Amino acid sequence: NISNNLFTTIEPKDFERVLVFGDALISENAKDVLGLLEEIG
């Protein structure tokens, strides 16, 4: 389970790509993972 607390230090502007694996989307906070991807853009 990927806690959304892990997202607190992420600066979306620092990234140019995201590599995400399937185990991240079976987490209880999978919607938060997708929200972060959308924010990074």
PDB file of all heavy atoms in Angstrom:
ATOM      1  N   ASN A   1       0.841  -1.195   0.000  1.00  0.00           N
ATOM      2  CA  ASN A   1       0.000   0.000   0.000  1.00  0.00           C
ATOM      3  C   ASN A   1       0.872   1.240   0.000  1.00  0.00           C
ATOM      4  O   ASN A   1       1.665   1.464   0.915  1.00  0.00           O
ATOM      5  CB  ASN A   1      -0.928   0.002   1.218  1.00  0.00           C
ATOM      6  CG  ASN A   1      -2.025  -1.033   1.073  1.00  0.00           C
ATOM      7  OD1 ASN A   1      -2.505  -1.274  -0.022  1.00  0.00           O
ATOM      8  ND2 ASN A   1      -2.399  -1.655   2.164  1.00  0.00           N
ATOM      9  N   ILE A   2       0.770   2.010  -1.056  1.00  0.00           N
ATOM     10  CA  ILE A   2       1.602   3.201  -1.208  1.00  0.00           C
ATOM     11  C   ILE A   2       0.897   4.367  -0.535  1.00  0.00           C
ATOM     12  O   ILE A   2      -0.113   4.864  -1.027  1.00  0.00           O
ATOM     13  CB  ILE A   2       1.875   3.490  -2.694  1.00  0.00           C
ATOM     14  CG1 ILE A   2       2.658   2.309  -3.299  1.00  0.00           C
ATOM     15  CG2 ILE A   2       2.644   4.788  -2.855  1.00  0.00           C
ATOM     16  CD1 ILE A   2       2.945   2.459  -4.765  1.00  0.00           C
ATOM     17  N   SER A   3       1.401   4.764   0.606  1.00  0.00           N
ATOM     18  CA  SER A   3       0.781   5.831   1.381  1.00  0.00           C
ATOM     19  C   SER A   3       0.871   7.160   0.643  1.00  0.00           C
ATOM     20  O   SER A   3       1.903   7.479   0.056  1.00  0.00           O
ATOM     21  CB  SER A   3       1.465   5.949   2.751  1.00  0.00           C
ATOM     22  OG  SER A   3       1.074   7.130   3.401  1.00  0.00           O
ATOM     23  N   ASN A   4      -0.217   7.949   0.702  1.00  0.00           N
ATOM     24  CA  ASN A   4      -0.150   9.259   0.047  1.00  0.00           C
ATOM     25  C   ASN A   4       0.777  10.212   0.790  1.00  0.00           C
ATOM     26  O   ASN A   4       1.090  11.294   0.291  1.00  0.00           O
ATOM     27  CB  ASN A   4      -1.549   9.873  -0.127  1.00  0.00           C
ATOM     28  CG  ASN A   4      -2.340   9.913   1.157  1.00  0.00           C
ATOM     29  OD1 ASN A   4      -1.768   9.806   2.241  1.00  0.00           O
ATOM     30  ND2 ASN A   4      -3.647  10.072   1.032  1.00  0.00           N
ATOM     31  N   ASN A   5       1.253   9.801   1.982  1.00  0.00           N
ATOM     32  CA  ASN A   5       2.270  10.603   2.680  1.00  0.00           C
ATOM     33  C   ASN A   5       3.568  10.654   1.875  1.00  0.00           C
ATOM     34  O   ASN A   5       4.373  11.571   2.030  1.00  0.00           O
ATOM     35  CB  ASN A   5       2.559  10.018   4.066  1.00  0.00           C
ATOM     36  CG  ASN A   5       1.378  10.177   5.008  1.00  0.00           C
ATOM     37  OD1 ASN A   5       0.575  11.097   4.848  1.00  0.00           O
ATOM     38  ND2 ASN A   5       1.251   9.274   5.968  1.00  0.00           N
ATOM     39  N   LEU A   6       3.768   9.634   1.038  1.00  0.00           N
ATOM     40  CA  LEU A   6       4.989   9.603   0.225  1.00  0.00           C
ATOM     41  C   LEU A   6       4.983  10.673  -0.862  1.00  0.00           C
ATOM     42  O   LEU A   6       6.007  10.950  -1.466  1.00  0.00           O
ATOM     43  CB  LEU A   6       5.150   8.220  -0.418  1.00  0.00           C
ATOM     44  CG  LEU A   6       5.446   7.056   0.535  1.00  0.00           C
ATOM     45  CD1 LEU A   6       5.484   5.748  -0.225  1.00  0.00           C
ATOM     46  CD2 LEU A   6       6.746   7.265   1.265  1.00  0.00           C
ATOM     47  N   PHE A   7       3.810  11.254  -1.138  1.00  0.00           N
ATOM     48  CA  PHE A   7       3.707  12.239  -2.211  1.00  0.00           C
ATOM     49  C   PHE A   7       4.070  13.658  -1.752  1.00  0.00           C
ATOM     50  O   PHE A   7       4.181  14.567  -2.571  1.00  0.00           O
ATOM     51  CB  PHE A   7       2.288  12.277  -2.793  1.00  0.00           C
ATOM     52  CG  PHE A   7       1.805  10.953  -3.319  1.00  0.00           C
ATOM     53  CD1 PHE A   7       0.450  10.692  -3.436  1.00  0.00           C
ATOM     54  CD2 PHE A   7       2.700   9.966  -3.706  1.00  0.00           C
ATOM     55  CE1 PHE A   7      -0.011   9.472  -3.918  1.00  0.00           C
ATOM     56  CE2 PHE A   7       2.250   8.747  -4.192  1.00  0.00           C
ATOM     57  CZ  PHE A   7       0.899   8.504  -4.293  1.00  0.00           C
ATOM     58  N   THR A   8       4.226  13.835  -0.445  1.00  0.00           N
ATOM     59  CA  THR A   8       4.330  15.196   0.090  1.00  0.00           C
ATOM     60  C   THR A   8       5.584  15.932  -0.371  1.00  0.00           C
ATOM     61  O   THR A   8       5.585  17.158  -0.445  1.00  0.00           O
ATOM     62  CB  THR A   8       4.284  15.183   1.626  1.00  0.00           C
ATOM     63  OG1 THR A   8       5.339  14.335   2.123  1.00  0.00           O
ATOM     64  CG2 THR A   8       2.942  14.654   2.115  1.00  0.00           C
ATOM     65  N   THR A   9       6.652  15.212  -0.664  1.00  0.00           N
ATOM     66  CA  THR A   9       7.899  15.871  -1.070  1.00  0.00           C
ATOM     67  C   THR A   9       8.066  15.927  -2.588  1.00  0.00           C
ATOM     68  O   THR A   9       9.101  16.393  -3.074  1.00  0.00           O
ATOM     69  CB  THR A   9       9.117  15.153  -0.465  1.00  0.00           C
ATOM     70  OG1 THR A   9       9.142  13.795  -0.935  1.00  0.00           O
ATOM     71  CG2 THR A   9       9.044  15.140   1.064  1.00  0.00           C
ATOM     72  N   ILE A  10       7.080  15.429  -3.309  1.00  0.00           N
ATOM     73  CA  ILE A  10       7.187  15.398  -4.770  1.00  0.00           C
ATOM     74  C   ILE A  10       6.874  16.763  -5.364  1.00  0.00           C
ATOM     75  O   ILE A  10       5.850  17.374  -5.065  1.00  0.00           O
ATOM     76  CB  ILE A  10       6.227  14.342  -5.357  1.00  0.00           C
ATOM     77  CG1 ILE A  10       6.625  12.941  -4.889  1.00  0.00           C
ATOM     78  CG2 ILE A  10       6.201  14.410  -6.876  1.00  0.00           C
ATOM     79  CD1 ILE A  10       7.982  12.483  -5.367  1.00  0.00           C
ATOM     80  N   GLU A  11       7.780  17.246  -6.211  1.00  0.00           N
ATOM     81  CA  GLU A  11       7.576  18.495  -6.957  1.00  0.00           C
ATOM     82  C   GLU A  11       7.305  18.128  -8.415  1.00  0.00           C
ATOM     83  O   GLU A  11       8.238  17.769  -9.137  1.00  0.00           O
ATOM     84  CB  GLU A  11       8.810  19.391  -6.850  1.00  0.00           C
ATOM     85  CG  GLU A  11       9.019  20.047  -5.499  1.00  0.00           C
ATOM     86  CD  GLU A  11       7.996  21.137  -5.226  1.00  0.00           C
ATOM     87  OE1 GLU A  11       7.331  21.575  -6.185  1.00  0.00           O
ATOM     88  OE2 GLU A  11       7.854  21.533  -4.059  1.00  0.00           O
ATOM     89  N   PRO A  12       6.060  18.203  -8.867  1.00  0.00           N
ATOM     90  CA  PRO A  12       5.730  17.776 -10.235  1.00  0.00           C
ATOM     91  C   PRO A  12       6.603  18.393 -11.316  1.00  0.00           C
ATOM     92  O   PRO A  12       6.924  17.732 -12.309  1.00  0.00           O
ATOM     93  CB  PRO A  12       4.267  18.215 -10.386  1.00  0.00           C
ATOM     94  CG  PRO A  12       3.728  18.163  -8.991  1.00  0.00           C
ATOM     95  CD  PRO A  12       4.862  18.620  -8.116  1.00  0.00           C
ATOM     96  N   LYS A  13       7.018  19.634 -11.129  1.00  0.00           N
ATOM     97  CA  LYS A  13       7.817  20.311 -12.166  1.00  0.00           C
ATOM     98  C   LYS A  13       9.215  19.716 -12.327  1.00  0.00           C
ATOM     99  O   LYS A  13       9.912  20.017 -13.301  1.00  0.00           O
ATOM    100  CB  LYS A  13       7.931  21.795 -11.842  1.00  0.00           C
ATOM    101  CG  LYS A  13       8.625  22.112 -10.538  1.00  0.00           C
ATOM    102  CD  LYS A  13       8.701  23.609 -10.288  1.00  0.00           C
ATOM    103  CE  LYS A  13       9.289  23.947  -8.931  1.00  0.00           C
ATOM    104  NZ  LYS A  13      10.598  23.355  -8.678  1.00  0.00           N
ATOM    105  N   ASP A  14       9.637  18.862 -11.382  1.00  0.00           N
ATOM    106  CA  ASP A  14      10.985  18.284 -11.438  1.00  0.00           C
ATOM    107  C   ASP A  14      11.085  17.102 -12.390  1.00  0.00           C
ATOM    108  O   ASP A  14      12.182  16.594 -12.634  1.00  0.00           O
ATOM    109  CB  ASP A  14      11.432  17.814 -10.040  1.00  0.00           C
ATOM    110  CG  ASP A  14      11.654  18.965  -9.072  1.00  0.00           C
ATOM    111  OD1 ASP A  14      11.799  20.113  -9.550  1.00  0.00           O
ATOM    112  OD2 ASP A  14      11.688  18.712  -7.855  1.00  0.00           O
ATOM    113  N   PHE A  15       9.961  16.634 -12.938  1.00  0.00           N
ATOM    114  CA  PHE A  15       9.955  15.376 -13.687  1.00  0.00           C
ATOM    115  C   PHE A  15       9.579  15.573 -15.151  1.00  0.00           C
ATOM    116  O   PHE A  15       8.746  16.412 -15.476  1.00  0.00           O
ATOM    117  CB  PHE A  15       8.981  14.386 -13.033  1.00  0.00           C
ATOM    118  CG  PHE A  15       9.314  14.109 -11.601  1.00  0.00           C
ATOM    119  CD1 PHE A  15       8.652  14.781 -10.578  1.00  0.00           C
ATOM    120  CD2 PHE A  15      10.316  13.211 -11.269  1.00  0.00           C
ATOM    121  CE1 PHE A  15       8.973  14.544  -9.259  1.00  0.00           C
ATOM    122  CE2 PHE A  15      10.646  12.974  -9.946  1.00  0.00           C
ATOM    123  CZ  PHE A  15       9.977  13.643  -8.939  1.00  0.00           C
ATOM    124  N   GLU A  16      10.220  14.742 -16.000  1.00  0.00           N
ATOM    125  CA  GLU A  16       9.862  14.769 -17.415  1.00  0.00           C
ATOM    126  C   GLU A  16       9.233  13.460 -17.877  1.00  0.00           C
ATOM    127  O   GLU A  16       8.762  13.350 -19.003  1.00  0.00           O
ATOM    128  CB  GLU A  16      11.079  15.084 -18.281  1.00  0.00           C
ATOM    129  CG  GLU A  16      12.204  14.078 -18.217  1.00  0.00           C
ATOM    130  CD  GLU A  16      13.346  14.457 -19.149  1.00  0.00           C
ATOM    131  OE1 GLU A  16      13.105  15.215 -20.110  1.00  0.00           O
ATOM    132  OE2 GLU A  16      14.480  14.004 -18.902  1.00  0.00           O
ATOM    133  N   ARG A  17       9.219  12.449 -17.004  1.00  0.00           N
ATOM    134  CA  ARG A  17       8.546  11.187 -17.310  1.00  0.00           C
ATOM    135  C   ARG A  17       8.330  10.413 -16.023  1.00  0.00           C
ATOM    136  O   ARG A  17       8.978  10.660 -15.012  1.00  0.00           O
ATOM    137  CB  ARG A  17       9.341  10.338 -18.306  1.00  0.00           C
ATOM    138  CG  ARG A  17      10.699   9.897 -17.822  1.00  0.00           C
ATOM    139  CD  ARG A  17      11.400   9.002 -18.834  1.00  0.00           C
ATOM    140  NE  ARG A  17      11.281   9.426 -20.206  1.00  0.00           N
ATOM    141  CZ  ARG A  17      11.958  10.413 -20.765  1.00  0.00           C
ATOM    142  NH1 ARG A  17      12.806  11.120 -20.024  1.00  0.00           N
ATOM    143  NH2 ARG A  17      11.792  10.735 -22.016  1.00  0.00           N
ATOM    144  N   VAL A  18       7.381   9.464 -16.089  1.00  0.00           N
ATOM    145  CA  VAL A  18       7.085   8.611 -14.944  1.00  0.00           C
ATOM    146  C   VAL A  18       7.098   7.162 -15.407  1.00  0.00           C
ATOM    147  O   VAL A  18       6.550   6.832 -16.467  1.00  0.00           O
ATOM    148  CB  VAL A  18       5.710   8.937 -14.328  1.00  0.00           C
ATOM    149  CG1 VAL A  18       5.452   8.053 -13.104  1.00  0.00           C
ATOM    150  CG2 VAL A  18       5.615  10.409 -13.950  1.00  0.00           C
ATOM    151  N   LEU A  19       7.728   6.308 -14.625  1.00  0.00           N
ATOM    152  CA  LEU A  19       7.732   4.864 -14.877  1.00  0.00           C
ATOM    153  C   LEU A  19       6.957   4.224 -13.730  1.00  0.00           C
ATOM    154  O   LEU A  19       7.391   4.250 -12.581  1.00  0.00           O
ATOM    155  CB  LEU A  19       9.172   4.348 -14.913  1.00  0.00           C
ATOM    156  CG  LEU A  19       9.407   2.842 -15.060  1.00  0.00           C
ATOM    157  CD1 LEU A  19       8.724   2.303 -16.308  1.00  0.00           C
ATOM    158  CD2 LEU A  19      10.907   2.538 -15.096  1.00  0.00           C
ATOM    159  N   VAL A  20       5.764   3.696 -14.028  1.00  0.00           N
ATOM    160  CA  VAL A  20       4.897   3.165 -12.979  1.00  0.00           C
ATOM    161  C   VAL A  20       4.567   1.705 -13.269  1.00  0.00           C
ATOM    162  O   VAL A  20       4.296   1.323 -14.409  1.00  0.00           O
ATOM    163  CB  VAL A  20       3.607   4.023 -12.847  1.00  0.00           C
ATOM    164  CG1 VAL A  20       2.836   4.079 -14.147  1.00  0.00           C
ATOM    165  CG2 VAL A  20       2.723   3.514 -11.726  1.00  0.00           C
ATOM    166  N   PHE A  21       4.641   0.887 -12.227  1.00  0.00           N
ATOM    167  CA  PHE A  21       4.421  -0.549 -12.364  1.00  0.00           C
ATOM    168  C   PHE A  21       3.046  -0.933 -11.820  1.00  0.00           C
ATOM    169  O   PHE A  21       2.449  -0.217 -11.017  1.00  0.00           O
ATOM    170  CB  PHE A  21       5.529  -1.319 -11.643  1.00  0.00           C
ATOM    171  CG  PHE A  21       6.882  -1.108 -12.254  1.00  0.00           C
ATOM    172  CD1 PHE A  21       7.720  -0.101 -11.788  1.00  0.00           C
ATOM    173  CD2 PHE A  21       7.312  -1.889 -13.310  1.00  0.00           C
ATOM    174  CE1 PHE A  21       8.969   0.112 -12.356  1.00  0.00           C
ATOM    175  CE2 PHE A  21       8.562  -1.684 -13.892  1.00  0.00           C
ATOM    176  CZ  PHE A  21       9.390  -0.673 -13.418  1.00  0.00           C
ATOM    177  N   GLY A  22       2.560  -2.092 -12.256  1.00  0.00           N
ATOM    178  CA  GLY A  22       1.204  -2.508 -11.922  1.00  0.00           C
ATOM    179  C   GLY A  22       0.944  -2.649 -10.440  1.00  0.00           C
ATOM    180  O   GLY A  22      -0.177  -2.415  -9.975  1.00  0.00           O
ATOM    181  N   ASP A  23       1.983  -3.002  -9.651  1.00  0.00           N
ATOM    182  CA  ASP A  23       1.763  -3.175  -8.219  1.00  0.00           C
ATOM    183  C   ASP A  23       1.361  -1.865  -7.540  1.00  0.00           C
ATOM    184  O   ASP A  23       0.761  -1.870  -6.473  1.00  0.00           O
ATOM    185  CB  ASP A  23       2.989  -3.793  -7.526  1.00  0.00           C
ATOM    186  CG  ASP A  23       4.316  -3.306  -8.069  1.00  0.00           C
ATOM    187  OD1 ASP A  23       4.364  -2.159  -8.553  1.00  0.00           O
ATOM    188  OD2 ASP A  23       5.295  -4.060  -8.010  1.00  0.00           O
ATOM    189  N   ALA A  24       1.667  -0.721  -8.185  1.00  0.00           N
ATOM    190  CA  ALA A  24       1.264   0.578  -7.616  1.00  0.00           C
ATOM    191  C   ALA A  24      -0.230   0.827  -7.758  1.00  0.00           C
ATOM    192  O   ALA A  24      -0.801   1.622  -7.016  1.00  0.00           O
ATOM    193  CB  ALA A  24       2.037   1.701  -8.296  1.00  0.00           C
ATOM    194  N   LEU A  25      -0.875   0.144  -8.717  1.00  0.00           N
ATOM    195  CA  LEU A  25      -2.298   0.384  -8.961  1.00  0.00           C
ATOM    196  C   LEU A  25      -3.207  -0.639  -8.286  1.00  0.00           C
ATOM    197  O   LEU A  25      -4.410  -0.653  -8.526  1.00  0.00           O
ATOM    198  CB  LEU A  25      -2.587   0.435 -10.461  1.00  0.00           C
ATOM    199  CG  LEU A  25      -2.016   1.646 -11.208  1.00  0.00           C
ATOM    200  CD1 LEU A  25      -2.608   1.736 -12.600  1.00  0.00           C
ATOM    201  CD2 LEU A  25      -2.262   2.948 -10.455  1.00  0.00           C
ATOM    202  N   ILE A  26      -2.622  -1.518  -7.459  1.00  0.00           N
ATOM    203  CA  ILE A  26      -3.468  -2.374  -6.628  1.00  0.00           C
ATOM    204  C   ILE A  26      -3.385  -1.907  -5.169  1.00  0.00           C
ATOM    205  O   ILE A  26      -3.910  -2.549  -4.271  1.00  0.00           O
ATOM    206  CB  ILE A  26      -3.078  -3.862  -6.742  1.00  0.00           C
ATOM    207  CG1 ILE A  26      -1.631  -4.097  -6.324  1.00  0.00           C
ATOM    208  CG2 ILE A  26      -3.331  -4.365  -8.154  1.00  0.00           C
ATOM    209  CD1 ILE A  26      -1.279  -5.566  -6.184  1.00  0.00           C
ATOM    210  N   SER A  27      -2.721  -0.777  -4.961  1.00  0.00           N
ATOM    211  CA  SER A  27      -2.632  -0.173  -3.641  1.00  0.00           C
ATOM    212  C   SER A  27      -3.958   0.485  -3.276  1.00  0.00           C
ATOM    213  O   SER A  27      -4.743   0.864  -4.144  1.00  0.00           O
ATOM    214  CB  SER A  27      -1.517   0.880  -3.632  1.00  0.00           C
ATOM    215  OG  SER A  27      -1.630   1.754  -2.545  1.00  0.00           O
ATOM    216  N   GLU A  28      -4.199   0.640  -1.969  1.00  0.00           N
ATOM    217  CA  GLU A  28      -5.409   1.329  -1.521  1.00  0.00           C
ATOM    218  C   GLU A  28      -5.443   2.777  -2.009  1.00  0.00           C
ATOM    219  O   GLU A  28      -6.508   3.366  -2.150  1.00  0.00           O
ATOM    220  CB  GLU A  28      -5.492   1.308   0.013  1.00  0.00           C
ATOM    221  CG  GLU A  28      -5.831  -0.057   0.591  1.00  0.00           C
ATOM    222  CD  GLU A  28      -5.943  -0.021   2.103  1.00  0.00           C
ATOM    223  OE1 GLU A  28      -5.741   1.064   2.685  1.00  0.00           O
ATOM    224  OE2 GLU A  28      -6.222  -1.077   2.701  1.00  0.00           O
ATOM    225  N   ASN A  29      -4.271   3.333  -2.247  1.00  0.00           N
ATOM    226  CA  ASN A  29      -4.186   4.731  -2.672  1.00  0.00           C
ATOM    227  C   ASN A  29      -3.888   4.864  -4.165  1.00  0.00           C
ATOM    228  O   ASN A  29      -3.261   5.827  -4.600  1.00  0.00           O
ATOM    229  CB  ASN A  29      -3.106   5.457  -1.853  1.00  0.00           C
ATOM    230  CG  ASN A  29      -3.488   5.553  -0.393  1.00  0.00           C
ATOM    231  OD1 ASN A  29      -4.576   5.986  -0.056  1.00  0.00           O
ATOM    232  ND2 ASN A  29      -2.599   5.123   0.488  1.00  0.00           N
ATOM    233  N   ALA A  30      -4.359   3.895  -4.941  1.00  0.00           N
ATOM    234  CA  ALA A  30      -4.100   3.915  -6.384  1.00  0.00           C
ATOM    235  C   ALA A  30      -4.648   5.180  -7.038  1.00  0.00           C
ATOM    236  O   ALA A  30      -4.033   5.725  -7.965  1.00  0.00           O
ATOM    237  CB  ALA A  30      -4.698   2.676  -7.034  1.00  0.00           C
ATOM    238  N   LYS A  31      -5.798   5.676  -6.563  1.00  0.00           N
ATOM    239  CA  LYS A  31      -6.364   6.896  -7.144  1.00  0.00           C
ATOM    240  C   LYS A  31      -5.440   8.091  -6.908  1.00  0.00           C
ATOM    241  O   LYS A  31      -5.338   8.980  -7.756  1.00  0.00           O
ATOM    242  CB  LYS A  31      -7.753   7.167  -6.564  1.00  0.00           C
ATOM    243  CG  LYS A  31      -8.816   6.195  -7.064  1.00  0.00           C
ATOM    244  CD  LYS A  31     -10.192   6.546  -6.530  1.00  0.00           C
ATOM    245  CE  LYS A  31     -11.244   5.575  -7.064  1.00  0.00           C
ATOM    246  NZ  LYS A  31     -12.591   5.896  -6.529  1.00  0.00           N
ATOM    247  N   ASP A  32      -4.758   8.098  -5.756  1.00  0.00           N
ATOM    248  CA  ASP A  32      -3.805   9.173  -5.479  1.00  0.00           C
ATOM    249  C   ASP A  32      -2.597   9.087  -6.409  1.00  0.00           C
ATOM    250  O   ASP A  32      -2.044  10.108  -6.824  1.00  0.00           O
ATOM    251  CB  ASP A  32      -3.342   9.112  -4.021  1.00  0.00           C
ATOM    252  CG  ASP A  32      -4.474   9.397  -3.047  1.00  0.00           C
ATOM    253  OD1 ASP A  32      -5.285  10.297  -3.340  1.00  0.00           O
ATOM    254  OD2 ASP A  32      -4.549   8.717  -2.018  1.00  0.00           O
ATOM    255  N   VAL A  33      -2.182   7.850  -6.726  1.00  0.00           N
ATOM    256  CA  VAL A  33      -1.081   7.656  -7.672  1.00  0.00           C
ATOM    257  C   VAL A  33      -1.461   8.253  -9.025  1.00  0.00           C
ATOM    258  O   VAL A  33      -0.693   9.012  -9.633  1.00  0.00           O
ATOM    259  CB  VAL A  33      -0.744   6.155  -7.831  1.00  0.00           C
ATOM    260  CG1 VAL A  33       0.282   5.955  -8.945  1.00  0.00           C
ATOM    261  CG2 VAL A  33      -0.213   5.578  -6.524  1.00  0.00           C
ATOM    262  N   LEU A  34      -2.663   7.944  -9.500  1.00  0.00           N
ATOM    263  CA  LEU A  34      -3.118   8.461 -10.793  1.00  0.00           C
ATOM    264  C   LEU A  34      -3.283   9.978 -10.750  1.00  0.00           C
ATOM    265  O   LEU A  34      -2.982  10.668 -11.734  1.00  0.00           O
ATOM    266  CB  LEU A  34      -4.437   7.794 -11.183  1.00  0.00           C
ATOM    267  CG  LEU A  34      -4.302   6.322 -11.593  1.00  0.00           C
ATOM    268  CD1 LEU A  34      -5.649   5.633 -11.576  1.00  0.00           C
ATOM    269  CD2 LEU A  34      -3.654   6.206 -12.967  1.00  0.00           C
ATOM    270  N   GLY A  35      -3.751  10.499  -9.621  1.00  0.00           N
ATOM    271  CA  GLY A  35      -3.866  11.949  -9.474  1.00  0.00           C
ATOM    272  C   GLY A  35      -2.518  12.633  -9.578  1.00  0.00           C
ATOM    273  O   GLY A  35      -2.389  13.707 -10.183  1.00  0.00           O
ATOM    274  N   LEU A  36      -1.486  11.999  -8.999  1.00  0.00           N
ATOM    275  CA  LEU A  36      -0.131  12.550  -9.086  1.00  0.00           C
ATOM    276  C   LEU A  36       0.365  12.534 -10.530  1.00  0.00           C
ATOM    277  O   LEU A  36       0.972  13.510 -10.998  1.00  0.00           O
ATOM    278  CB  LEU A  36       0.810  11.747  -8.193  1.00  0.00           C
ATOM    279  CG  LEU A  36       2.277  12.169  -8.213  1.00  0.00           C
ATOM    280  CD1 LEU A  36       2.447  13.602  -7.701  1.00  0.00           C
ATOM    281  CD2 LEU A  36       3.134  11.210  -7.388  1.00  0.00           C
ATOM    282  N   LEU A  37       0.104  11.435 -11.255  1.00  0.00           N
ATOM    283  CA  LEU A  37       0.520  11.352 -12.666  1.00  0.00           C
ATOM    284  C   LEU A  37      -0.135  12.456 -13.486  1.00  0.00           C
ATOM    285  O   LEU A  37       0.508  13.074 -14.343  1.00  0.00           O
ATOM    286  CB  LEU A  37       0.148   9.987 -13.249  1.00  0.00           C
ATOM    287  CG  LEU A  37       0.755   8.739 -12.608  1.00  0.00           C
ATOM    288  CD1 LEU A  37       0.368   7.505 -13.399  1.00  0.00           C
ATOM    289  CD2 LEU A  37       2.262   8.848 -12.501  1.00  0.00           C
ATOM    290  N   GLU A  38      -1.403  12.701 -13.206  1.00  0.00           N
ATOM    291  CA  GLU A  38      -2.132  13.758 -13.924  1.00  0.00           C
ATOM    292  C   GLU A  38      -1.550  15.125 -13.589  1.00  0.00           C
ATOM    293  O   GLU A  38      -1.411  15.988 -14.465  1.00  0.00           O
ATOM    294  CB  GLU A  38      -3.606  13.703 -13.562  1.00  0.00           C
ATOM    295  CG  GLU A  38      -4.476  14.588 -14.430  1.00  0.00           C
ATOM    296  CD  GLU A  38      -5.957  14.366 -14.194  1.00  0.00           C
ATOM    297  OE1 GLU A  38      -6.316  13.445 -13.425  1.00  0.00           O
ATOM    298  OE2 GLU A  38      -6.756  15.115 -14.767  1.00  0.00           O
ATOM    299  N   GLU A  39      -1.173  15.321 -12.330  1.00  0.00           N
ATOM    300  CA  GLU A  39      -0.602  16.599 -11.914  1.00  0.00           C
ATOM    301  C   GLU A  39       0.760  16.831 -12.560  1.00  0.00           C
ATOM    302  O   GLU A  39       1.075  17.949 -12.985  1.00  0.00           O
ATOM    303  CB  GLU A  39      -0.467  16.638 -10.390  1.00  0.00           C
ATOM    304  CG  GLU A  39      -0.018  17.986  -9.847  1.00  0.00           C
ATOM    305  CD  GLU A  39       0.074  18.014  -8.338  1.00  0.00           C
ATOM    306  OE1 GLU A  39      -0.267  17.001  -7.694  1.00  0.00           O
ATOM    307  OE2 GLU A  39       0.518  19.044  -7.790  1.00  0.00           O
ATOM    308  N   ILE A  40       1.560  15.778 -12.653  1.00  0.00           N
ATOM    309  CA  ILE A  40       2.875  15.901 -13.292  1.00  0.00           C
ATOM    310  C   ILE A  40       2.713  16.214 -14.776  1.00  0.00           C
ATOM    311  O   ILE A  40       3.443  17.036 -15.341  1.00  0.00           O
ATOM    312  CB  ILE A  40       3.693  14.613 -13.086  1.00  0.00           C
ATOM    313  CG1 ILE A  40       4.085  14.484 -11.604  1.00  0.00           C
ATOM    314  CG2 ILE A  40       4.951  14.602 -13.960  1.00  0.00           C
ATOM    315  CD1 ILE A  40       4.726  13.163 -11.240  1.00  0.00           C
ATOM    316  N   GLY A  41       1.775  15.534 -15.435  1.00  0.00           N
ATOM    317  CA  GLY A  41       1.432  15.865 -16.818  1.00  0.00           C
ATOM    318  C   GLY A  41       2.516  15.570 -17.835  1.00  0.00           C
ATOM    319  O   GLY A  41       2.568  16.214 -18.891  1.00  0.00           O
TER     320      GLY A  41
END
